[in-house]
Amino acid sequence: MSWIRTIKPDEAEGLLRSEYEAAQKRAGRIWQIVQIMSQQPVVLKTSMAVYGAIMQGRSSLTRVQREMLAVIVSKANECHY
């Protein structure tokens, strides 16, 4: 079985701690998808910026439509959303 070592929130320092705090504020918890990127805090920060731009930036799709597409893609990929 494959696994990825993650840095737990209570062990985080520096940029990772800041990103975890932002995730906690944004979602009320730190989801596993965020923790999986913990070994590369710059990648985590960039990924969250891209996600924010996709979900909240200007678009011809509403936020609800974007969320529905995210759920559909996650289901098609057999991922827990």
Protein backbone atom coordinates (compact mmCIF):
# COMPACT_ATOMS: atom_id res chain seq x y z
CA MET A 1 0.00 0.00 0.00
CA SER A 2 1.33 3.44 -0.92
CA TRP A 3 1.34 6.31 1.52
CA ILE A 4 2.61 9.86 1.71
CA ARG A 5 4.16 11.14 4.92
CA THR A 6 2.43 14.33 5.94
CA ILE A 7 3.33 17.01 8.43
CA LYS A 8 0.59 17.25 11.03
CA PRO A 9 -0.84 20.70 11.84
CA ASP A 10 0.70 20.74 15.33
CA GLU A 11 4.15 20.07 13.78
CA ALA A 12 3.93 22.74 11.06
CA GLU A 13 6.29 25.71 10.99
CA GLY A 14 6.81 28.77 8.82
CA LEU A 15 4.97 28.89 5.50
CA LEU A 16 3.29 25.53 6.11
CA ARG A 17 1.88 26.77 9.42
CA SER A 18 0.53 29.86 7.64
CA GLU A 19 -1.07 27.73 4.92
CA TYR A 20 -2.62 25.38 7.50
CA GLU A 21 -4.02 28.38 9.40
CA ALA A 22 -5.50 29.76 6.16
CA ALA A 23 -7.01 26.35 5.36
CA GLN A 24 -8.51 26.11 8.84
CA LYS A 25 -10.02 29.58 8.49
CA ARG A 26 -11.31 28.86 4.97
CA ALA A 27 -12.82 25.40 5.55
CA GLY A 28 -13.12 25.00 9.30
CA ARG A 29 -10.62 22.14 9.18
CA ILE A 30 -7.47 21.03 7.40
CA TRP A 31 -8.52 18.52 4.76
CA GLN A 32 -6.27 15.58 3.85
CA ILE A 33 -5.70 16.97 0.33
CA VAL A 34 -4.05 19.98 1.97
CA GLN A 35 -1.94 17.84 4.30
CA ILE A 36 -0.73 15.69 1.40
CA MET A 37 1.07 18.75 0.03
CA SER A 38 2.69 19.51 3.40
CA GLN A 39 6.16 18.39 2.32
CA GLN A 40 6.16 21.20 -0.28
CA PRO A 41 4.59 24.32 1.29
CA VAL A 42 5.29 26.46 -1.80
CA VAL A 43 3.39 23.93 -3.93
CA LEU A 44 0.55 23.97 -1.39
CA LYS A 45 0.39 27.77 -1.46
CA THR A 46 0.44 27.85 -5.27
CA SER A 47 -2.17 25.10 -5.52
CA MET A 48 -4.51 26.97 -3.18
CA ALA A 49 -4.04 30.15 -5.24
CA VAL A 50 -4.93 28.28 -8.44
CA TYR A 51 -7.94 26.66 -6.76
CA GLY A 52 -9.11 30.07 -5.52
CA ALA A 53 -8.77 31.58 -8.99
CA ILE A 54 -10.71 28.72 -10.56
CA MET A 55 -13.50 28.66 -7.98
CA GLN A 56 -13.80 32.38 -7.19
CA GLY A 57 -12.33 34.22 -10.18
CA ARG A 58 -14.21 35.71 -13.10
CA SER A 59 -16.05 33.09 -15.12
CA SER A 60 -19.14 32.55 -17.20
CA LEU A 61 -19.97 29.75 -14.73
CA THR A 62 -21.56 30.46 -11.37
CA ARG A 63 -19.88 29.32 -8.17
CA VAL A 64 -22.56 26.63 -7.81
CA GLN A 65 -21.88 25.34 -11.33
CA ARG A 66 -18.15 25.20 -10.61
CA GLU A 67 -18.77 23.27 -7.38
CA MET A 68 -21.07 20.85 -9.22
CA LEU A 69 -18.37 20.24 -11.85
CA ALA A 70 -15.81 19.60 -9.11
CA VAL A 71 -18.10 17.00 -7.54
CA ILE A 72 -18.74 15.31 -10.89
CA VAL A 73 -15.02 15.13 -11.70
CA SER A 74 -14.24 13.77 -8.22
CA LYS A 75 -16.92 11.10 -8.61
CA ALA A 76 -15.66 10.16 -12.08
CA ASN A 77 -12.15 9.83 -10.61
CA GLU A 78 -13.50 7.82 -7.68
CA CYS A 79 -12.21 10.44 -5.24
CA HIS A 80 -13.89 11.46 -2.00
CA TYR A 81 -14.96 15.08 -2.36
